[in-house]
């Protein structure tokens, strides 16, 4: 396993939104879903690569309308829990790379060390990959 790889993605729940919704461009769309789960991977300065797992499809949606990433554990053993003055921040870019800032709230926030095990809880809203869309 190389740095930047995802070791596991677990979907912990999903809720299909009743009725239609809209895309981020404002186009009417059916089959919207909210899904949540956990991503575990190793850190690399060029990002944790979600592409190798299928991008948004790995999270159970074909297109993402909204995503929230919360880092719950970091460190060499992946057991360090962020505390009130040393929080972690995660974000995802358009090429499906997840980036993390460690010790947010300190005078000099930093990125995790390459190879650190990062656990991220996610919640995503978007187009469901499991249902047929009727137009």
Protein backbone atom coordinates (compact mmCIF):
# COMPACT_ATOMS: atom_id res chain seq x y z
CA UNK A 1 0.00 0.00 0.00
CA UNK A 2 1.46 3.31 -1.08
CA UNK A 3 1.04 6.68 0.62
CA UNK A 4 -2.09 8.39 -0.66
CA UNK A 5 -4.04 5.14 -1.06
CA UNK A 6 -7.43 4.46 0.48
CA UNK A 7 -7.50 1.24 2.48
CA UNK A 8 -11.26 1.14 3.05
CA UNK A 9 -14.53 2.91 2.38
CA UNK A 10 -17.54 1.83 4.43
CA UNK A 11 -21.02 3.14 3.76
CA UNK A 12 -22.75 3.34 7.13
CA UNK A 13 -26.13 4.58 5.94
CA UNK A 14 -28.17 6.02 3.11
CA UNK A 15 -31.49 7.78 2.77
CA UNK A 16 -33.29 8.31 -0.51
CA UNK A 17 -34.84 11.77 -0.65
CA UNK A 18 -38.54 11.61 -1.54
CA UNK A 19 -39.59 13.59 -4.62
CA UNK A 20 -37.31 15.33 -7.02
CA UNK A 21 -34.36 17.58 -6.46
CA UNK A 22 -32.09 19.81 -8.48
CA UNK A 23 -28.49 19.60 -9.63
CA UNK A 24 -25.98 22.29 -8.67
CA UNK A 25 -26.76 23.86 -12.08
CA UNK A 26 -30.46 24.12 -11.15
CA UNK A 27 -31.68 21.36 -13.47
CA UNK A 28 -34.59 19.27 -12.11
CA UNK A 29 -33.44 15.78 -11.13
CA UNK A 30 -34.99 12.72 -9.49
CA UNK A 31 -33.16 10.02 -7.50
CA UNK A 32 -31.40 12.22 -4.91
CA UNK A 33 -29.80 10.47 -1.94
CA UNK A 34 -27.91 11.29 1.26
CA UNK A 35 -25.22 8.75 2.18
CA UNK A 36 -22.70 8.67 5.02
CA UNK A 37 -19.78 6.53 5.98
CA UNK A 38 -16.07 6.26 6.72
CA UNK A 39 -12.92 6.53 4.61
CA UNK A 40 -9.55 5.26 5.88
CA UNK A 41 -6.38 6.00 3.95
CA UNK A 42 -2.74 6.96 4.21
CA UNK A 43 -1.70 10.55 3.75
CA UNK A 44 0.40 11.93 0.92
CA UNK A 45 1.17 15.59 0.23
CA UNK A 46 -0.46 15.29 -3.20
CA UNK A 47 -3.69 14.07 -1.58
CA UNK A 48 -5.48 10.88 -0.66
CA UNK A 49 -6.62 9.50 -4.01
CA UNK A 50 -10.34 8.73 -4.27
CA UNK A 51 -10.01 8.23 -8.07
CA UNK A 52 -8.56 4.73 -7.66
CA UNK A 53 -11.77 3.74 -5.83
CA UNK A 54 -14.08 5.28 -8.45
CA UNK A 55 -14.35 8.94 -7.42
CA UNK A 56 -17.88 9.89 -6.37
CA UNK A 57 -19.14 6.39 -7.25
CA UNK A 58 -17.13 5.03 -4.31
CA UNK A 59 -19.32 7.16 -2.04
CA UNK A 60 -22.55 5.91 -3.62
CA UNK A 61 -23.40 8.91 -5.81
CA UNK A 62 -22.80 9.57 -9.48
CA UNK A 63 -22.61 13.35 -9.01
CA UNK A 64 -21.98 15.19 -5.76
CA UNK A 65 -24.20 18.13 -4.84
CA UNK A 66 -22.78 18.48 -1.32
CA UNK A 67 -20.07 16.75 0.69
CA UNK A 68 -18.89 17.13 4.27
CA UNK A 69 -15.62 15.55 5.43
CA UNK A 70 -14.74 15.28 9.13
CA UNK A 71 -11.36 13.92 10.24
CA UNK A 72 -11.86 11.71 13.30
CA UNK A 73 -8.41 10.09 13.69
CA UNK A 74 -4.87 10.78 12.46
CA UNK A 75 -1.30 9.82 13.23
CA UNK A 76 1.22 7.08 12.51
CA UNK A 77 -1.03 4.44 14.08
CA UNK A 78 -4.23 6.23 13.07
CA UNK A 79 -5.37 6.57 16.69
CA UNK A 80 -4.85 10.27 17.48
CA UNK A 81 -8.20 11.96 18.04
CA UNK A 82 -8.24 15.70 17.23
CA UNK A 83 -8.88 17.89 20.29
CA UNK A 84 -10.41 21.35 20.62
CA UNK A 85 -7.24 23.34 19.91
CA UNK A 86 -5.72 20.83 17.46
CA UNK A 87 -8.51 20.08 15.00
CA UNK A 88 -8.08 18.65 11.52
CA UNK A 89 -9.70 19.94 8.35
CA UNK A 90 -10.35 17.89 5.20
CA UNK A 91 -11.41 19.00 1.72
CA UNK A 92 -11.75 17.37 -1.69
CA UNK A 93 -10.82 18.88 -5.04
CA UNK A 94 -12.22 18.38 -8.56
CA UNK A 95 -9.76 15.55 -9.33
CA UNK A 96 -10.96 13.46 -6.34
CA UNK A 97 -7.97 14.15 -4.10
CA UNK A 98 -8.62 14.58 -0.38
CA UNK A 99 -6.34 17.04 1.43
CA UNK A 100 -5.99 17.37 5.20
CA UNK A 101 -4.69 20.17 7.42
CA UNK A 102 -3.59 19.00 10.87
CA UNK A 103 -3.61 20.94 14.13
CA UNK A 104 -5.97 23.64 12.85
CA UNK A 105 -6.29 26.25 15.59
CA UNK A 106 -2.56 26.30 16.33
CA UNK A 107 -0.28 29.19 15.40
CA UNK A 108 1.28 27.12 12.59
CA UNK A 109 -1.15 24.52 11.20
CA UNK A 110 0.55 21.80 9.17
CA UNK A 111 -0.26 18.84 6.98
CA UNK A 112 -0.01 15.30 8.33
CA UNK A 113 3.20 13.35 7.76
CA UNK A 114 3.29 11.14 4.66
CA UNK A 115 2.07 7.67 5.60
CA UNK A 116 -0.07 8.84 8.54
CA UNK A 117 -3.31 6.89 8.74
CA UNK A 118 -6.29 9.23 8.37
CA UNK A 119 -9.89 8.30 9.24
CA UNK A 120 -12.55 10.56 7.71
CA UNK A 121 -16.29 10.47 8.28
CA UNK A 122 -18.22 11.65 5.22
CA UNK A 123 -21.74 12.75 4.40
CA UNK A 124 -22.59 13.21 0.75
CA UNK A 125 -25.71 14.30 -1.11
CA UNK A 126 -26.14 13.70 -4.82
CA UNK A 127 -27.54 11.48 -7.56
CA UNK A 128 -28.17 7.93 -6.38
CA UNK A 129 -26.26 5.25 -8.29
CA UNK A 130 -28.65 2.51 -7.19
CA UNK A 131 -31.99 3.73 -8.50
CA UNK A 132 -33.39 4.28 -11.96
CA UNK A 133 -34.21 7.87 -12.78
CA UNK A 134 -37.63 8.52 -14.32
CA UNK A 135 -37.95 11.77 -16.23
